[in-house]
Amino acid sequence: MKAERKDRYASIPKRSFRNSIVHHLEHNYKLVGSHKVIQMMADDIMDLHEEYYPETSTIGSGHVVWQTTSATEKKPSYGKRVEDQKIKTVILPLITPEDVEYRMRSHYHVENKGNNHKKQAERDVEVLARLVKSAYLQGGLLTGAELSVLMNRSLNAIGRYLKMYHETHDDILPTKGIILDQGSRPTHKAPIVNLYEQGIPDPDIARLTNHTIESVGLYLRAYRNVKMMMEKGFNLMEMVRVSGKSRSTIIQYRELVYEYHPDLKCTEKNSEENK
């Protein structure tokens, strides 16, 4: 009798979401094979569910659950779809108590309109940096479009804010475009070269700029190659042909060489005059 009662109670925990997935795969999809394999598939689905729908009790007020590109992704190859990239769920501090306090102070201290616009832009830059850094620490990479949606600002405004941040800070915001080098004019060449010209070792440059050692090596190798070609008197189009890089990329590196080695600008000018 006791064993029979125990069996009746034992059925209750078996009515779980996981077991329902196993039943669904076996009976509705008619999957044929090892029951163990189907259970492993159910476990994977459970992991995905936990990733996309974390416990709300762990999410603070003003935070938002967001799915973005995983920081483990590499630079996408041609034709790779966004949905094929690995996704990372992050919890972003969209609104903080400091944001609310700022709004309260702004409400009771009305200043001239121009100054208000400036202060709002500065606050937006702070929020943008907070979101990007938080996502990166959790293993995610935000895009400009995602920041546009999260902050309710235009893409042009997001571009201005990124520029404002990099003009006033020494570090680089680890957005998807910068980490995966998707932009047509990435802003991270200059800080990397600046640290290199100061004699900072590559590992420290990687740490300070939120890049891998490999990517830092690629940028510095390109910079040194352009510098070497300039020293040998190559003109712009010759450097493009030899390096295989685009004209705009070579121009970016050439401007950096001019900045740290202005004597090469005179050398290039003399070389052009002698041709």
Protein backbone atom coordinates (compact mmCIF):
# COMPACT_ATOMS: atom_id res chain seq x y z
CA MET A 1 0.00 0.00 0.00
CA LYS A 2 2.79 2.46 0.92
CA ALA A 3 4.61 1.74 -2.34
CA GLU A 4 1.42 2.45 -4.28
CA ARG A 5 0.97 5.85 -2.57
CA LYS A 6 4.59 6.74 -3.28
CA ASP A 7 4.12 5.96 -6.97
CA ARG A 8 1.08 8.24 -7.10
CA TYR A 9 3.07 11.15 -5.70
CA ALA A 10 6.07 10.38 -7.90
CA SER A 11 4.06 11.23 -11.00
CA ILE A 12 3.69 14.89 -10.01
CA PRO A 13 7.28 16.09 -10.74
CA LYS A 14 7.23 14.14 -14.00
CA ARG A 15 4.75 16.63 -15.43
CA SER A 16 7.59 19.05 -16.10
CA PHE A 17 8.27 21.36 -19.01
CA ARG A 18 11.34 19.29 -19.92
CA ASN A 19 9.41 16.02 -20.06
CA SER A 20 6.72 17.73 -22.13
CA ILE A 21 9.41 18.68 -24.65
CA VAL A 22 10.62 15.07 -24.79
CA HIS A 23 7.05 13.85 -25.33
CA HIS A 24 6.44 16.51 -27.99
CA LEU A 25 9.57 15.57 -29.94
CA GLU A 26 8.85 11.85 -29.78
CA HIS A 27 5.14 11.92 -30.62
CA ASN A 28 4.47 15.08 -32.66
CA TYR A 29 7.72 15.18 -34.64
CA LYS A 30 8.05 11.39 -34.77
CA LEU A 31 11.77 11.58 -34.04
CA VAL A 32 13.25 8.13 -34.28
CA GLY A 33 16.40 7.28 -32.37
CA SER A 34 17.90 7.05 -28.93
CA HIS A 35 15.72 8.30 -26.10
CA LYS A 36 18.94 9.67 -24.59
CA VAL A 37 19.54 11.87 -27.66
CA ILE A 38 16.01 13.27 -27.42
CA GLN A 39 16.57 14.02 -23.73
CA MET A 40 19.79 15.87 -24.63
CA MET A 41 17.85 17.91 -27.19
CA ALA A 42 15.29 18.74 -24.50
CA ASP A 43 18.10 19.87 -22.18
CA ASP A 44 19.43 22.17 -24.92
CA ILE A 45 15.97 23.68 -25.40
CA MET A 46 15.74 24.21 -21.64
CA ASP A 47 19.10 26.00 -21.70
CA LEU A 48 17.91 28.24 -24.54
CA HIS A 49 14.73 29.05 -22.64
CA GLU A 50 16.74 29.99 -19.55
CA GLU A 51 19.05 32.13 -21.72
CA TYR A 52 16.23 34.06 -23.40
CA TYR A 53 13.86 34.25 -20.44
CA PRO A 54 15.89 34.68 -17.24
CA GLU A 55 14.24 34.80 -13.84
CA THR A 56 12.60 38.21 -13.44
CA SER A 57 13.37 38.20 -9.71
CA THR A 58 17.05 38.81 -10.55
CA ILE A 59 16.32 41.83 -12.75
CA GLY A 60 16.36 45.23 -11.07
CA SER A 61 13.98 48.09 -11.74
CA GLY A 62 14.99 50.00 -14.85
CA HIS A 63 16.89 47.06 -16.33
CA VAL A 64 15.97 45.48 -19.64
CA VAL A 65 16.57 41.96 -20.96
CA TRP A 66 18.15 42.16 -24.40
CA GLN A 67 19.38 39.62 -26.94
CA THR A 68 22.47 40.75 -28.84
CA THR A 69 25.48 39.32 -30.67
CA SER A 70 27.83 37.23 -28.53
CA ALA A 71 31.29 38.68 -27.99
CA THR A 72 32.69 35.27 -28.93
CA GLU A 73 31.66 35.85 -32.56
CA LYS A 74 34.34 36.50 -35.16
CA LYS A 75 34.19 39.01 -37.99
CA PRO A 76 31.28 37.71 -40.12
CA SER A 77 32.15 36.18 -43.46
CA TYR A 78 30.41 37.34 -46.61
CA GLY A 79 26.82 36.08 -46.76
CA LYS A 80 26.59 35.05 -43.11
CA ARG A 81 23.14 35.90 -41.80
CA VAL A 82 22.53 37.68 -38.51
CA GLU A 83 20.36 34.79 -37.32
CA ASP A 84 23.33 32.47 -37.80
CA GLN A 85 25.46 34.43 -35.35
CA LYS A 86 25.65 33.31 -31.73
CA ILE A 87 23.29 35.22 -29.46
CA LYS A 88 23.93 36.41 -25.92
CA THR A 89 21.20 37.53 -23.54
CA VAL A 90 22.26 40.48 -21.40
CA ILE A 91 20.55 42.54 -18.72
CA LEU A 92 21.16 46.22 -19.39
CA PRO A 93 20.89 49.10 -16.87
CA LEU A 94 18.74 51.31 -19.08
CA ILE A 95 17.50 53.52 -16.24
CA THR A 96 19.36 54.04 -12.97
CA PRO A 97 18.47 55.97 -9.81
CA GLU A 98 20.98 58.62 -10.94
CA ASP A 99 18.98 59.09 -14.14
CA VAL A 100 15.82 59.74 -12.15
CA GLU A 101 17.62 62.19 -9.85
CA TYR A 102 18.98 64.03 -12.88
CA ARG A 103 15.46 64.39 -14.26
CA MET A 104 14.24 65.70 -10.92
CA ARG A 105 17.02 68.29 -10.77
CA SER A 106 16.40 69.34 -14.38
CA HIS A 107 12.71 69.82 -13.66
CA TYR A 108 13.34 72.27 -10.80
CA HIS A 109 16.38 74.03 -12.29
CA VAL A 110 15.38 75.25 -15.74
CA GLU A 111 18.36 76.76 -17.57
CA ASN A 112 18.72 78.26 -21.03
CA LYS A 113 17.68 76.02 -23.89
CA GLY A 114 21.13 75.73 -25.49
CA ASN A 115 22.74 74.61 -22.25
CA ASN A 116 19.97 72.07 -21.67
CA HIS A 117 20.63 70.51 -25.07
CA LYS A 118 24.33 70.24 -24.25
CA LYS A 119 23.67 68.64 -20.88
CA GLN A 120 21.18 66.21 -22.43
CA ALA A 121 23.77 65.15 -25.01
CA GLU A 122 26.33 64.61 -22.25
CA ARG A 123 23.83 62.50 -20.31
CA ASP A 124 23.04 60.48 -23.43
CA VAL A 125 26.74 59.80 -23.92
CA GLU A 126 26.93 58.52 -20.34
CA VAL A 127 23.93 56.23 -20.87
CA LEU A 128 25.35 54.96 -24.16
CA ALA A 129 28.70 54.15 -22.57
CA ARG A 130 26.97 52.43 -19.65
CA LEU A 131 24.92 50.20 -21.96
CA VAL A 132 27.83 49.26 -24.23
CA LYS A 133 30.19 48.47 -21.36
CA SER A 134 27.55 46.51 -19.44
CA ALA A 135 26.73 44.39 -22.50
CA TYR A 136 30.42 43.71 -23.15
CA LEU A 137 31.09 42.67 -19.55
CA GLN A 138 28.27 40.14 -19.90
CA GLY A 139 29.65 38.83 -23.20
CA GLY A 140 27.54 40.82 -25.66
CA LEU A 141 28.21 43.35 -28.43
CA LEU A 142 25.67 46.10 -29.09
CA THR A 143 25.26 47.71 -32.51
CA GLY A 144 24.46 51.33 -33.28
CA ALA A 145 20.97 50.28 -34.37
CA GLU A 146 20.37 48.51 -31.05
CA LEU A 147 21.52 51.58 -29.12
CA SER A 148 19.22 53.68 -31.28
CA VAL A 149 16.24 51.56 -30.25
CA LEU A 150 17.22 51.26 -26.58
CA MET A 151 17.83 55.00 -26.17
CA ASN A 152 15.12 56.19 -28.58
CA ARG A 153 17.65 58.26 -30.52
CA SER A 154 18.39 58.40 -34.24
CA LEU A 155 21.33 56.54 -35.77
CA ASN A 156 22.94 59.90 -36.55
CA ALA A 157 22.66 60.89 -32.89
CA ILE A 158 24.21 57.59 -31.78
CA GLY A 159 27.09 58.21 -34.19
CA ARG A 160 27.63 61.68 -32.71
CA TYR A 161 27.58 60.31 -29.17
CA LEU A 162 30.17 57.65 -30.01
CA LYS A 163 32.39 60.32 -31.52
CA MET A 164 31.91 62.59 -28.48
CA TYR A 165 32.90 59.77 -26.14
CA HIS A 166 36.04 58.83 -28.05
CA GLU A 167 37.11 62.48 -28.30
CA THR A 168 36.92 62.93 -24.53
CA HIS A 169 37.99 59.52 -23.18
CA ASP A 170 41.11 57.39 -23.49
CA ASP A 171 39.31 54.05 -23.71
CA ILE A 172 37.29 52.70 -26.64
CA LEU A 173 33.66 51.63 -26.37
CA PRO A 174 33.44 47.94 -27.35
CA THR A 175 30.53 48.10 -29.80
CA LYS A 176 29.99 45.34 -32.35
CA GLY A 177 31.24 47.56 -35.16
CA ILE A 178 34.50 48.32 -33.39
CA ILE A 179 35.25 44.86 -31.99
CA LEU A 180 34.39 43.08 -35.25
CA ASP A 181 35.70 45.94 -37.42
CA GLN A 182 32.52 46.35 -39.48
CA GLY A 183 32.56 50.10 -39.89
CA SER A 184 33.87 51.76 -43.05
CA ARG A 185 35.89 54.13 -40.88
CA PRO A 186 36.65 52.37 -37.58
CA THR A 187 37.71 54.75 -34.83
CA HIS A 188 40.06 52.35 -33.07
CA LYS A 189 43.13 52.60 -35.32
CA ALA A 190 44.25 55.91 -33.80
CA PRO A 191 44.18 54.85 -30.10
CA ILE A 192 45.96 51.58 -30.91
CA VAL A 193 48.69 53.35 -32.88
CA ASN A 194 48.94 56.05 -30.20
CA LEU A 195 49.67 53.44 -27.53
CA TYR A 196 52.10 51.66 -29.84
CA GLU A 197 54.03 54.87 -30.49
CA GLN A 198 54.27 55.37 -26.72
CA GLY A 199 56.05 52.03 -26.46
CA ILE A 200 53.16 50.16 -24.83
CA PRO A 201 53.45 46.34 -25.35
CA ASP A 202 50.86 44.66 -27.56
CA PRO A 203 49.18 42.71 -24.70
CA ASP A 204 48.64 45.95 -22.76
CA ILE A 205 47.32 47.69 -25.89
CA ALA A 206 44.84 44.84 -26.33
CA ARG A 207 43.72 45.16 -22.72
CA LEU A 208 43.41 48.95 -22.82
CA THR A 209 41.46 48.98 -26.08
CA ASN A 210 39.24 45.92 -25.47
CA HIS A 211 40.76 44.08 -28.44
CA THR A 212 42.38 40.69 -28.83
CA ILE A 213 46.16 40.54 -29.16
CA GLU A 214 45.67 39.10 -32.66
CA SER A 215 43.55 42.06 -33.86
CA VAL A 216 45.99 44.56 -32.35
CA GLY A 217 48.78 42.78 -34.19
CA LEU A 218 46.89 43.08 -37.49
CA TYR A 219 46.37 46.83 -37.13
CA LEU A 220 49.94 47.50 -36.07
CA ARG A 221 51.34 45.34 -38.84
CA ALA A 222 49.32 47.32 -41.39
CA TYR A 223 50.51 50.59 -39.81
CA ARG A 224 54.16 49.52 -39.91
CA ASN A 225 53.83 48.33 -43.51
CA VAL A 226 52.40 51.68 -44.62
CA LYS A 227 55.15 53.50 -42.74
CA MET A 228 57.81 51.30 -44.39
CA MET A 229 56.36 51.93 -47.87
CA MET A 230 56.30 55.66 -47.20
CA GLU A 231 59.94 55.52 -46.14
CA LYS A 232 60.72 53.86 -49.47
CA GLY A 233 58.93 56.62 -51.38
CA PHE A 234 55.81 54.70 -52.46
CA ASN A 235 52.92 56.93 -53.55
CA LEU A 236 49.32 56.33 -52.50
CA MET A 237 48.24 54.10 -55.38
CA GLU A 238 51.43 52.06 -55.17
CA MET A 239 50.72 51.39 -51.50
CA VAL A 240 47.16 50.35 -52.38
CA ARG A 241 48.38 47.88 -55.00
CA VAL A 242 51.16 46.42 -52.87
CA SER A 243 49.13 46.10 -49.66
CA GLY A 244 45.86 44.96 -51.22
CA LYS A 245 43.99 47.32 -48.88
CA SER A 246 41.46 49.93 -49.91
CA ARG A 247 42.46 53.50 -50.73
CA SER A 248 40.53 54.89 -47.76
CA THR A 249 42.26 52.46 -45.36
CA ILE A 250 45.71 53.40 -46.65
CA ILE A 251 44.84 57.10 -46.29
CA GLN A 252 43.83 56.51 -42.65
CA TYR A 253 47.11 54.81 -41.87
CA ARG A 254 49.08 57.40 -43.83
CA GLU A 255 47.54 60.22 -41.78
CA LEU A 256 48.58 58.41 -38.60
CA VAL A 257 52.13 58.06 -39.90
CA TYR A 258 52.18 61.79 -40.67
CA GLU A 259 51.04 62.54 -37.12
CA TYR A 260 53.87 60.61 -35.45
CA HIS A 261 56.51 60.94 -38.16
CA PRO A 262 55.97 64.34 -39.83
CA ASP A 263 59.41 64.12 -41.46
CA LEU A 264 58.01 61.44 -43.80
CA LYS A 265 55.56 63.99 -45.18
CA CYS A 266 58.50 66.07 -46.40
CA THR A 267 60.21 62.95 -47.76
CA GLU A 268 57.11 61.98 -49.73
CA LYS A 269 56.78 65.50 -51.11
CA ASN A 270 60.42 65.54 -52.27
CA SER A 271 59.96 62.10 -53.84
CA GLU A 272 56.94 63.29 -55.79
CA GLU A 273 58.82 66.37 -57.03
CA ASN A 274 61.75 64.27 -58.28
CA LYS A 275 59.53 61.97 -60.34
